[in-house]
Amino acid sequence: MQKYNIAIVGSGIIGMTLALQLSTINHINITLFGKKPKYSEFKTTAILATSFDIYKRLLDLNKSHPQISKLKKFKIIDELKTKKKIIDFDAREINLDSFAYNIRDNFLADRLHKEIKNNDSIIFKNEFIEGLEDNLSKTTLNTSDGVKEFDLVIGADGRNSIIRELAAINYSKKTYKESILVTEINHSIPNNNTSFEIHRNGSLLTSVPTSDKDSAIVMIDHSQKIDGIDIDDLNAIISEGLSTYLGDTIVSNKYSILPSVTINAEKLYRNRVMLVGESAHVIPPIGAQGLNLGLRDIMTFYNILLNNEAKDPGSKTILSSYNNMRWFDIYKRYKSVNLLYQSMMNNNAGYSAIRNIGFLTLNKSRRIRNMLLSEGLSFNK
């Protein structure tokens, strides 16, 4: 059987996961371009229950590992009006033990990197990409170490993707007026594997369990409030929002601040170049969709290759199938998360009506609750 050469540009969590997944296919040779990634000590990702099997298979990762926290329940608290509204969700409603498994990015990246270094089917190169030439037969990468030819180049190099730019794949980008702050807290009351999401006028405060008395924090608020915030002010904001549920809170002295943006590629490939993960789509950190969207990209492409074993992975047939199977799911989640984001960050009458109808419906209808939860956790196979 003919062997095909695939280059993956970007060695973050998505790039390394993709490399390991594709390396299980016999007729594929993988070259991964990048360097060992570094993530902050408190940055975590909630891997949906329907996505976790990827890491169980590739890394022999167990859900009961001490570095992994189960997300069994989540509570949405709407404080946008004078009367507080609360919705509780439990994974048992849809016959699951947990909605998601919260894992530290640096732990997951270290495990992936170790596995790749021990994988003879993956060549790991710490080289910069300086240029790209692609056509319908081959794609050539100009790297800091020379010129290399591939049957397919996959951009897994994030929201500022150089591969997307070099391949001239158009995309839309929207920058919101809010910023995103990520940190971690210690609290006196156990979280009981519960995530809390507090909606206020123009802001969102979310806690996700990392251990019994520690939780990761994601705060979205106006940039002028977050940018340059000091620890005392941050402590006060988080304590005011979460002390009712988590008791006394102490914020880590370290935090990261990111712009709040959405990015949506117009298509997921051009000639023999393909996009996965944040090079193709970026959405606000709501509903644990970010990394999980990238994992859906990976498994969709992997299954297409399995079902077309003898075909060139960079052929138009393969890449158009990938685009057709992924684009609508990405667009649907992009639009729904954007609508949810706007309804939380804007307090005008239209968005308030949408929000109120949503809360009323979710409280009254178990069928719609279950449909929403199942859709949020769905995994395209």
Protein backbone atom coordinates (compact mmCIF):
# COMPACT_ATOMS: atom_id res chain seq x y z
CA MET A 1 0.00 0.00 0.00
CA GLN A 2 1.26 3.48 -0.87
CA LYS A 3 2.50 5.58 2.04
CA TYR A 4 1.38 9.22 2.36
CA ASN A 5 3.18 12.02 4.17
CA ILE A 6 1.23 14.45 6.36
CA ALA A 7 2.66 17.54 8.05
CA ILE A 8 0.95 18.88 11.16
CA VAL A 9 1.95 22.44 11.99
CA GLY A 10 1.36 23.32 15.64
CA SER A 11 2.33 21.20 18.64
CA GLY A 12 -0.27 22.33 21.17
CA ILE A 13 -2.79 19.93 22.66
CA ILE A 14 -4.82 19.67 19.44
CA GLY A 15 -1.77 19.24 17.19
CA MET A 16 -0.26 16.52 19.39
CA THR A 17 -3.61 14.73 19.78
CA LEU A 18 -4.06 14.77 16.00
CA ALA A 19 -0.53 13.42 15.43
CA LEU A 20 -1.06 10.51 17.82
CA GLN A 21 -4.49 9.70 16.41
CA LEU A 22 -3.33 9.69 12.77
CA SER A 23 -0.20 7.70 13.64
CA THR A 24 -2.43 4.67 14.26
CA ILE A 25 -3.17 4.50 10.51
CA ASN A 26 -0.59 2.28 8.78
CA HIS A 27 -0.27 4.12 5.47
CA ILE A 28 0.32 7.55 7.05
CA ASN A 29 3.70 9.09 7.96
CA ILE A 30 3.44 12.07 10.34
CA THR A 31 5.78 15.03 10.73
CA LEU A 32 4.83 17.37 13.58
CA PHE A 33 6.27 20.89 13.48
CA GLY A 34 6.52 22.88 16.69
CA LYS A 35 8.13 22.86 20.09
CA LYS A 36 7.07 21.45 23.43
CA PRO A 37 4.19 23.69 24.53
CA LYS A 38 4.06 25.52 27.82
CA TYR A 39 0.77 26.16 29.59
CA SER A 40 0.14 28.11 32.77
CA GLU A 41 -0.13 26.06 35.95
CA PHE A 42 -3.79 26.98 36.52
CA LYS A 43 -5.15 26.75 32.94
CA THR A 44 -7.55 23.82 32.68
CA THR A 45 -9.82 22.30 30.05
CA ALA A 46 -13.12 20.51 30.62
CA ILE A 47 -13.05 17.52 28.28
CA LEU A 48 -16.61 16.41 27.61
CA ALA A 49 -17.54 12.86 28.59
CA THR A 50 -18.11 12.03 24.93
CA SER A 51 -14.59 13.22 24.03
CA PHE A 52 -12.60 11.64 26.86
CA ASP A 53 -12.29 8.23 25.19
CA ILE A 54 -9.70 9.73 22.83
CA TYR A 55 -7.28 10.22 25.72
CA LYS A 56 -8.20 6.94 27.36
CA ARG A 57 -7.20 5.23 24.11
CA LEU A 58 -4.12 7.30 23.19
CA LEU A 59 -2.67 7.90 26.68
CA ASP A 60 -4.26 5.14 28.76
CA LEU A 61 -5.64 8.01 30.83
CA ASN A 62 -8.03 7.01 33.60
CA LYS A 63 -10.96 9.20 34.64
CA SER A 64 -10.08 8.61 38.29
CA HIS A 65 -6.53 9.99 37.88
CA PRO A 66 -5.76 12.45 40.73
CA GLN A 67 -5.01 15.21 38.18
CA ILE A 68 -8.55 14.93 36.78
CA SER A 69 -11.70 16.33 38.40
CA LYS A 70 -15.17 15.14 37.48
CA LEU A 71 -17.82 17.70 36.59
CA LYS A 72 -21.00 15.97 37.78
CA LYS A 73 -23.27 19.00 38.20
CA PHE A 74 -23.46 22.58 37.12
CA LYS A 75 -25.51 25.43 38.43
CA ILE A 76 -26.44 28.52 36.40
CA ILE A 77 -27.26 31.56 38.53
CA ASP A 78 -28.90 34.46 36.69
CA GLU A 79 -28.38 37.72 38.61
CA LEU A 80 -29.16 40.00 35.66
CA LYS A 81 -32.38 41.20 37.25
CA THR A 82 -33.36 41.93 40.85
CA LYS A 83 -34.76 38.42 41.36
CA LYS A 84 -32.09 35.70 41.26
CA LYS A 85 -32.94 32.69 39.04
CA ILE A 86 -31.13 29.36 39.41
CA ILE A 87 -31.07 26.28 37.17
CA ASP A 88 -29.44 23.04 38.34
CA PHE A 89 -28.17 20.37 35.95
CA ASP A 90 -27.07 16.87 36.94
CA ALA A 91 -25.25 14.41 34.65
CA ARG A 92 -27.56 11.66 35.88
CA GLU A 93 -30.40 13.38 33.98
CA ILE A 94 -28.88 12.02 30.77
CA ASN A 95 -27.54 8.79 32.29
CA LEU A 96 -23.93 9.93 32.62
CA ASP A 97 -21.61 9.81 35.61
CA SER A 98 -20.12 13.20 34.66
CA PHE A 99 -20.66 15.92 32.05
CA ALA A 100 -16.94 16.47 31.67
CA TYR A 101 -13.51 15.83 33.12
CA ASN A 102 -11.50 18.90 34.05
CA ILE A 103 -7.79 18.48 33.43
CA ARG A 104 -4.82 20.83 33.70
CA ASP A 105 -3.49 21.79 30.29
CA ASN A 106 0.15 21.42 31.35
CA PHE A 107 -0.49 17.86 32.63
CA LEU A 108 -2.28 16.83 29.44
CA ALA A 109 0.38 18.46 27.23
CA ASP A 110 3.19 16.70 29.12
CA ARG A 111 1.49 13.31 28.70
CA LEU A 112 0.93 13.91 24.98
CA HIS A 113 4.51 15.09 24.44
CA LYS A 114 5.94 12.06 26.24
CA GLU A 115 3.81 9.72 24.12
CA ILE A 116 4.89 11.43 20.90
CA LYS A 117 8.59 11.21 21.79
CA ASN A 118 8.13 7.44 22.22
CA ASN A 119 6.18 7.04 18.96
CA ASP A 120 8.35 5.88 16.04
CA SER A 121 5.62 6.84 13.55
CA ILE A 122 5.89 10.56 14.37
CA ILE A 123 8.82 12.81 13.46
CA PHE A 124 8.87 15.83 15.78
CA LYS A 125 10.68 18.86 14.34
CA ASN A 126 11.34 22.14 16.13
CA GLU A 127 11.37 24.20 12.94
CA PHE A 128 9.74 27.49 11.94
CA ILE A 129 7.44 27.59 8.92
CA GLU A 130 8.58 30.35 6.57
CA GLY A 131 6.52 29.67 3.47
CA LEU A 132 4.04 27.36 1.78
CA GLU A 133 3.31 26.47 -1.84
CA ASP A 134 0.36 24.22 -2.55
CA ASN A 135 -1.42 22.82 -5.57
CA LEU A 136 -3.59 19.83 -6.37
CA SER A 137 -0.70 17.34 -6.35
CA LYS A 138 1.63 18.31 -3.47
CA THR A 139 2.22 20.95 -0.81
CA THR A 140 5.70 22.29 -0.14
CA LEU A 141 6.70 23.75 3.21
CA ASN A 142 9.63 26.13 3.46
CA THR A 143 11.01 25.66 6.97
CA SER A 144 13.96 27.06 8.89
CA ASP A 145 15.77 23.81 8.00
CA GLY A 146 14.96 23.62 4.29
CA VAL A 147 12.20 22.67 1.85
CA LYS A 148 9.96 19.65 2.45
CA GLU A 149 7.14 18.17 0.37
CA PHE A 150 3.93 16.62 1.72
CA ASP A 151 0.70 15.10 0.47
CA LEU A 152 -1.22 17.14 3.06
CA VAL A 153 -0.41 19.98 5.45
CA ILE A 154 -2.70 20.43 8.46
CA GLY A 155 -2.80 23.73 10.32
CA ALA A 156 -3.22 23.10 14.04
CA ASP A 157 -1.39 26.28 14.97
CA GLY A 158 -4.13 28.16 16.77
CA ARG A 159 -6.10 31.36 16.39
CA ASN A 160 -3.16 33.27 14.85
CA SER A 161 -2.53 30.45 12.37
CA ILE A 162 0.37 31.01 9.96
CA ILE A 163 -0.87 28.07 7.86
CA ARG A 164 -4.30 29.66 7.44
CA GLU A 165 -2.59 32.86 6.32
CA LEU A 166 -0.12 31.19 3.94
CA ALA A 167 -2.90 29.10 2.37
CA ALA A 168 -5.02 32.25 1.91
CA ILE A 169 -8.05 30.72 3.63
CA ASN A 170 -10.45 33.54 4.41
CA TYR A 171 -12.00 33.87 7.85
CA SER A 172 -14.21 36.22 9.84
CA LYS A 173 -13.14 37.64 13.19
CA LYS A 174 -15.13 39.53 15.78
CA THR A 175 -13.49 41.16 18.80
CA TYR A 176 -15.83 41.79 21.72
CA LYS A 177 -15.55 44.66 24.17
CA GLU A 178 -14.92 42.20 27.01
CA SER A 179 -11.74 40.47 28.18
CA ILE A 180 -11.33 36.98 29.64
CA LEU A 181 -9.47 36.39 32.91
CA VAL A 182 -8.35 32.88 33.88
CA THR A 183 -7.08 31.93 37.35
CA GLU A 184 -7.65 29.46 40.19
CA ILE A 185 -9.11 29.74 43.70
CA ASN A 186 -9.01 27.81 46.93
CA HIS A 187 -12.31 27.72 48.86
CA SER A 188 -13.47 26.59 52.30
CA ILE A 189 -16.61 24.70 51.19
CA PRO A 190 -16.12 21.61 48.95
CA ASN A 191 -17.42 22.10 45.41
CA ASN A 192 -18.92 18.57 45.30
CA ASN A 193 -17.87 18.24 41.65
CA THR A 194 -20.11 21.18 40.77
CA SER A 195 -19.44 24.03 38.37
CA PHE A 196 -21.04 27.41 39.12
CA GLU A 197 -21.83 29.91 36.37
CA ILE A 198 -22.97 33.37 37.49
CA HIS A 199 -24.54 35.72 34.95
CA ARG A 200 -24.59 39.43 35.75
CA ASN A 201 -25.10 42.52 33.63
CA GLY A 202 -22.23 42.50 31.17
CA SER A 203 -20.24 39.80 32.96
CA LEU A 204 -19.87 36.08 33.49
CA LEU A 205 -18.11 34.31 36.38
CA THR A 206 -17.55 30.55 36.12
CA SER A 207 -15.89 28.09 38.50
CA VAL A 208 -14.90 24.56 37.45
CA PRO A 209 -13.65 21.95 39.96
CA THR A 210 -9.93 21.08 39.96
CA SER A 211 -10.01 19.33 43.36
CA ASP A 212 -12.37 19.17 46.33
CA LYS A 213 -11.53 22.67 47.57
CA ASP A 214 -9.95 24.19 44.47
CA SER A 215 -11.64 25.47 41.32
CA ALA A 216 -10.50 27.00 38.06
CA ILE A 217 -12.00 30.43 37.37
CA VAL A 218 -13.02 32.01 34.06
CA MET A 219 -14.26 35.59 34.32
CA ILE A 220 -15.57 37.59 31.37
CA ASP A 221 -16.15 41.30 31.91
CA HIS A 222 -15.60 44.70 30.29
CA SER A 223 -11.97 45.15 29.30
CA GLN A 224 -11.56 48.33 31.32
CA LYS A 225 -12.57 46.40 34.45
CA ILE A 226 -10.35 43.36 33.86
CA ASP A 227 -7.25 44.76 32.16
CA GLY A 228 -4.81 45.78 34.88
CA ILE A 229 -6.99 44.47 37.73
CA ASP A 230 -5.12 43.92 41.02
CA ILE A 231 -5.37 40.85 43.25
CA ASP A 232 -7.37 42.61 45.99
CA ASP A 233 -10.07 43.73 43.55
CA LEU A 234 -10.13 40.29 41.94
CA ASN A 235 -10.48 38.63 45.33
CA ALA A 236 -13.41 40.91 46.17
CA ILE A 237 -15.24 40.22 42.88
CA ILE A 238 -14.85 36.45 43.14
CA SER A 239 -15.76 36.37 46.83
CA GLU A 240 -18.91 38.41 46.19
CA GLY A 241 -19.99 36.08 43.41
CA LEU A 242 -19.06 32.66 44.78
CA SER A 243 -18.88 32.83 48.59
CA THR A 244 -22.54 31.77 48.90
CA TYR A 245 -21.67 28.47 47.22
CA LEU A 246 -17.96 27.93 47.97
CA GLY A 247 -17.40 29.79 51.25
CA ASP A 248 -14.25 31.83 51.82
CA THR A 249 -12.24 32.13 48.61
CA ILE A 250 -8.57 32.91 48.03
CA VAL A 251 -7.37 33.74 44.53
CA SER A 252 -4.06 32.53 43.13
CA ASN A 253 -1.49 35.31 42.74
CA LYS A 254 -1.20 34.43 39.06
CA TYR A 255 -3.75 34.95 36.31
CA SER A 256 -3.95 35.34 32.55
CA ILE A 257 -5.98 37.87 30.57
CA LEU A 258 -7.07 37.19 27.00
CA PRO A 259 -9.15 39.13 24.48
CA SER A 260 -12.66 37.84 23.87
CA VAL A 261 -12.92 36.98 20.18
CA THR A 262 -14.62 34.67 17.72
CA ILE A 263 -12.98 33.36 14.56
CA ASN A 264 -14.69 31.32 11.87
CA ALA A 265 -12.90 30.08 8.74
CA GLU A 266 -14.99 30.33 5.57
CA LYS A 267 -13.91 26.80 4.64
CA LEU A 268 -11.70 24.18 6.27
CA TYR A 269 -9.34 23.43 3.39
CA ARG A 270 -7.71 24.79 0.25
CA ASN A 271 -5.96 22.49 -2.23
CA ARG A 272 -3.82 20.27 0.05
CA VAL A 273 -4.02 22.37 3.21
CA MET A 274 -6.53 21.66 5.98
CA LEU A 275 -7.43 23.38 9.27
CA VAL A 276 -8.31 21.92 12.67
CA GLY A 277 -8.94 23.40 16.11
CA GLU A 278 -8.54 27.12 16.72
CA SER A 279 -6.93 27.69 13.32
CA ALA A 280 -10.46 27.00 12.01
CA HIS A 281 -12.71 28.22 14.82
CA VAL A 282 -12.51 30.21 18.05
CA ILE A 283 -15.52 30.81 20.29
CA PRO A 284 -15.91 32.31 23.77
CA PRO A 285 -15.25 29.89 26.68
CA ILE A 286 -18.88 28.95 27.26
CA GLY A 287 -20.26 25.42 27.43
CA ALA A 288 -16.88 23.64 27.17
CA GLN A 289 -17.01 23.74 23.38
CA GLY A 290 -13.53 25.09 22.52
CA LEU A 291 -11.09 22.15 22.71
CA ASN A 292 -13.94 19.70 22.27
CA LEU A 293 -14.76 21.21 18.86
CA GLY A 294 -11.15 20.54 17.88
CA LEU A 295 -11.42 16.94 19.08
CA ARG A 296 -14.49 16.52 16.87
CA ASP A 297 -12.42 17.83 13.94
CA ILE A 298 -9.77 15.20 14.66
CA MET A 299 -12.12 12.25 14.96
CA THR A 300 -14.14 13.24 11.91
CA PHE A 301 -11.00 13.38 9.74
CA TYR A 302 -9.64 10.17 11.25
CA ASN A 303 -12.86 8.27 10.51
CA ILE A 304 -12.93 9.59 6.94
CA LEU A 305 -9.42 8.21 6.41
CA LEU A 306 -10.39 4.85 7.93
CA ASN A 307 -13.36 4.59 5.59
CA ASN A 308 -11.22 5.50 2.57
CA GLU A 309 -8.10 3.54 3.48
CA ALA A 310 -6.40 3.45 0.08
CA LYS A 311 -7.10 7.07 -0.84
CA ASP A 312 -4.71 10.00 -0.78
CA PRO A 313 -5.50 11.94 2.45
CA GLY A 314 -4.84 15.23 0.66
CA SER A 315 -7.20 14.54 -2.22
CA LYS A 316 -10.16 16.79 -2.89
CA THR A 317 -12.54 13.89 -2.20
CA ILE A 318 -11.21 13.45 1.34
CA LEU A 319 -10.87 17.13 2.20
CA SER A 320 -14.26 18.15 0.81
CA SER A 321 -15.84 15.32 2.84
CA TYR A 322 -14.13 16.66 5.96
CA ASN A 323 -15.29 20.20 5.19
CA ASN A 324 -18.87 19.10 4.56
CA MET A 325 -19.05 16.95 7.69
CA ARG A 326 -17.55 19.55 10.04
CA TRP A 327 -18.55 22.96 8.74
CA PHE A 328 -22.22 22.91 9.74
CA ASP A 329 -21.51 21.58 13.24
CA ILE A 330 -18.89 24.30 13.76
CA TYR A 331 -21.18 27.01 12.37
CA LYS A 332 -24.14 25.83 14.48
CA ARG A 333 -22.12 25.91 17.71
CA TYR A 334 -20.46 29.18 16.72
CA LYS A 335 -23.88 30.83 16.25
CA SER A 336 -25.47 29.32 19.37
CA VAL A 337 -22.54 30.21 21.64
CA ASN A 338 -22.46 33.72 20.17
CA LEU A 339 -26.20 34.16 20.84
CA LEU A 340 -25.75 32.89 24.40
CA TYR A 341 -22.78 35.20 24.88
CA GLN A 342 -24.69 38.23 23.58
CA SER A 343 -27.69 37.41 25.78
CA MET A 344 -25.44 37.40 28.86
CA MET A 345 -23.35 40.45 28.00
CA ASN A 346 -26.14 42.70 26.71
CA ASN A 347 -29.07 43.83 28.82
CA ASN A 348 -31.30 45.25 26.09
CA ALA A 349 -34.92 44.16 25.86
CA GLY A 350 -34.44 41.69 23.00
CA TYR A 351 -31.65 39.72 24.64
CA SER A 352 -33.41 39.89 28.03
CA ALA A 353 -36.49 38.31 26.46
CA ILE A 354 -34.41 35.50 24.92
CA ARG A 355 -32.71 34.89 28.24
CA ASN A 356 -35.95 34.83 30.24
CA ILE A 357 -37.66 32.48 27.78
CA GLY A 358 -34.65 30.20 27.91
CA PHE A 359 -34.61 30.04 31.71
CA LEU A 360 -38.35 29.43 31.91
CA THR A 361 -38.20 26.67 29.29
CA LEU A 362 -35.23 24.91 30.88
CA ASN A 363 -36.88 24.97 34.30
CA LYS A 364 -40.24 23.67 33.05
CA SER A 365 -39.35 21.13 30.34
CA ARG A 366 -37.22 18.08 31.19
CA ARG A 367 -37.40 16.96 27.55
CA ILE A 368 -35.86 20.21 26.28
CA ARG A 369 -33.27 20.14 29.08
CA ASN A 370 -32.22 16.65 28.05
CA MET A 371 -32.15 17.59 24.36
CA LEU A 372 -29.96 20.61 25.11
CA LEU A 373 -27.58 18.63 27.31
CA SER A 374 -27.33 15.78 24.80
CA GLU A 375 -26.68 18.19 21.93
CA GLY A 376 -24.01 20.03 23.90
CA LEU A 377 -22.26 16.72 24.57
CA SER A 378 -22.77 15.23 21.11
CA PHE A 379 -19.76 13.83 19.33
CA ASN A 380 -19.79 13.37 15.57
CA LYS A 381 -18.56 9.90 14.78
